Amino acid sequence: MAMAFDLVAAGTQVTANGEGVPVDVSGSATRTFLVTMQIDEVIEQESLDLAVLGSADGTNWAPMPILRLPQRFYRGETRMVLDLTVKPEVKHIRARWTLNRWGRVAPTPMFVFGVRCAEVAASKQAKPKAVASA
């Protein structure tokens, strides 16, 4: 059965930078996931940057993200594919978010969002067609 899990629970309200809990993905058959970020609420003049970090042991995290979603300012859904087949050492992942606020109003940013991961089924490789020679 395909894995599906939340890196950030739907409806999570954040007002500061932070990180989600580690998720063990070592049991994944395909090691490929569709990452969906859903932003439900925002206030004006702010941005949300979301990255996915990888770790071999769930304790020590690589300094560079293995996936970085595009910066967002508004409500809506953003999807990207996380392909861990190129990172066999990664056994755990987690989300890290960074908030930014500007303008003349209160300096505290606020987002309500969630991040869902769903394992993508392995694609079937097309068999090469035989070429008839003349």
Protein backbone atom coordinates (compact mmCIF):
# COMPACT_ATOMS: atom_id res chain seq x y z
CA MET A 1 0.00 0.00 0.00
CA ALA A 2 1.28 3.47 -0.90
CA MET A 3 2.47 5.72 1.91
CA ALA A 4 0.61 8.95 2.70
CA PHE A 5 1.38 11.27 5.59
CA ASP A 6 1.42 14.91 6.73
CA LEU A 7 4.67 16.82 7.07
CA VAL A 8 2.55 19.65 8.53
CA ALA A 9 -0.97 18.82 9.72
CA ALA A 10 -3.74 20.52 7.73
CA GLY A 11 -4.97 23.69 9.40
CA THR A 12 -1.75 24.37 11.31
CA GLN A 13 -1.43 28.06 12.24
CA VAL A 14 2.11 29.43 12.40
CA THR A 15 3.38 32.88 13.36
CA ALA A 16 7.12 32.13 13.36
CA ASN A 17 9.72 30.08 11.55
CA GLY A 18 9.70 26.40 12.46
CA GLU A 19 10.06 22.74 11.58
CA GLY A 20 7.74 19.76 11.46
CA VAL A 21 8.29 16.37 13.05
CA PRO A 22 10.52 13.81 11.27
CA VAL A 23 8.80 11.13 9.17
CA ASP A 24 10.43 7.78 8.44
CA VAL A 25 10.22 7.08 4.68
CA SER A 26 12.53 4.07 4.63
CA GLY A 27 9.54 1.78 4.00
CA SER A 28 8.63 3.48 0.75
CA ALA A 29 8.61 1.17 -2.25
CA THR A 30 9.01 3.90 -4.89
CA ARG A 31 10.82 6.62 -2.86
CA THR A 32 8.91 9.19 -4.91
CA PHE A 33 6.27 11.47 -3.34
CA LEU A 34 3.83 14.13 -4.45
CA VAL A 35 4.20 16.97 -1.93
CA THR A 36 1.11 19.18 -1.68
CA MET A 37 1.11 22.41 0.34
CA GLN A 38 -2.34 23.90 0.96
CA ILE A 39 -2.49 27.48 2.32
CA ASP A 40 -5.90 28.24 3.84
CA GLU A 41 -5.39 31.63 5.51
CA VAL A 42 -2.94 34.51 5.16
CA ILE A 43 -2.69 38.17 6.04
CA GLU A 44 -1.43 40.81 3.64
CA GLN A 45 2.22 41.57 2.95
CA GLU A 46 3.81 38.28 3.96
CA SER A 47 5.46 35.24 2.40
CA LEU A 48 5.93 31.56 3.21
CA ASP A 49 8.96 29.55 2.12
CA LEU A 50 8.76 25.78 2.59
CA ALA A 51 11.63 23.32 2.30
CA VAL A 52 11.90 19.57 2.88
CA LEU A 53 15.00 18.40 4.74
CA GLY A 54 16.50 14.92 4.60
CA SER A 55 18.33 12.79 7.16
CA ALA A 56 19.87 9.33 7.29
CA ASP A 57 19.15 8.83 11.01
CA GLY A 58 16.33 11.26 11.90
CA THR A 59 18.67 13.26 14.16
CA ASN A 60 21.30 14.86 11.95
CA TRP A 61 19.77 16.90 9.12
CA ALA A 62 21.51 17.95 5.91
CA PRO A 63 22.06 21.73 5.83
CA MET A 64 20.67 22.02 2.30
CA PRO A 65 17.02 21.11 1.56
CA ILE A 66 16.27 18.16 -0.71
CA LEU A 67 13.21 20.04 -2.02
CA ARG A 68 12.27 23.71 -1.96
CA LEU A 69 8.74 24.76 -2.90
CA PRO A 70 8.20 28.13 -4.60
CA GLN A 71 7.71 31.10 -2.28
CA ARG A 72 4.00 31.78 -1.69
CA PHE A 73 2.05 34.87 -0.69
CA TYR A 74 -1.59 33.83 -1.12
CA ARG A 75 -4.09 31.06 -0.42
CA GLY A 76 -4.00 28.04 -2.67
CA GLU A 77 -2.32 24.76 -3.44
CA THR A 78 1.24 24.09 -4.57
CA ARG A 79 2.45 20.66 -5.71
CA MET A 80 5.91 19.30 -6.39
CA VAL A 81 7.45 15.87 -6.75
CA LEU A 82 10.07 14.73 -4.25
CA ASP A 83 12.25 12.02 -5.82
CA LEU A 84 14.37 10.27 -3.20
CA THR A 85 15.67 7.63 -5.61
CA VAL A 86 18.63 9.95 -6.23
CA LYS A 87 19.24 10.24 -2.45
CA PRO A 88 19.43 6.63 -1.19
CA GLU A 89 20.94 7.76 2.13
CA VAL A 90 17.77 9.71 3.09
CA LYS A 91 15.58 7.67 5.45
CA HIS A 92 13.72 10.54 7.19
CA ILE A 93 12.23 13.81 5.97
CA ARG A 94 10.67 16.85 7.62
CA ALA A 95 9.32 20.26 6.65
CA ARG A 96 10.97 23.58 7.51
CA TRP A 97 9.13 26.86 6.98
CA THR A 98 10.33 30.44 6.98
CA LEU A 99 7.92 33.37 7.27
CA ASN A 100 8.56 36.94 6.18
CA ARG A 101 6.43 40.04 6.76
CA TRP A 102 6.84 43.60 5.53
CA GLY A 103 4.84 46.81 5.40
CA ARG A 104 3.43 49.24 7.97
CA VAL A 105 1.19 46.89 9.94
CA ALA A 106 1.95 44.55 12.84
CA PRO A 107 5.24 42.73 12.18
CA THR A 108 4.01 39.22 13.11
CA PRO A 109 3.27 37.01 10.09
CA MET A 110 0.49 34.40 10.16
CA PHE A 111 -0.26 31.47 7.87
CA VAL A 112 -2.68 28.57 8.21
CA PHE A 113 -1.44 25.73 6.05
CA GLY A 114 -0.68 22.03 5.75
CA VAL A 115 1.70 19.83 3.80
CA ARG A 116 0.66 16.35 2.64
CA CYS A 117 2.90 13.72 1.02
CA ALA A 118 1.56 10.84 -1.03
CA GLU A 119 3.74 8.14 -2.51
CA VAL A 120 3.64 8.07 -6.29
CA ALA A 121 3.19 4.66 -7.89
CA ALA A 122 6.12 3.32 -9.83
CA SER A 123 5.76 4.05 -13.51
CA LYS A 124 5.88 1.20 -15.95
CA GLN A 125 8.71 1.57 -18.39
CA ALA A 126 7.67 1.27 -22.00
CA LYS A 127 9.34 -1.67 -23.73
CA PRO A 128 11.39 -0.68 -26.73
CA LYS A 129 9.73 -1.56 -29.99
CA ALA A 130 11.51 -3.87 -32.34
CA VAL A 131 12.68 -2.13 -35.46
CA ALA A 132 12.11 -4.06 -38.67
CA SER A 133 15.05 -4.04 -40.98
CA ALA A 134 14.56 -3.94 -44.73
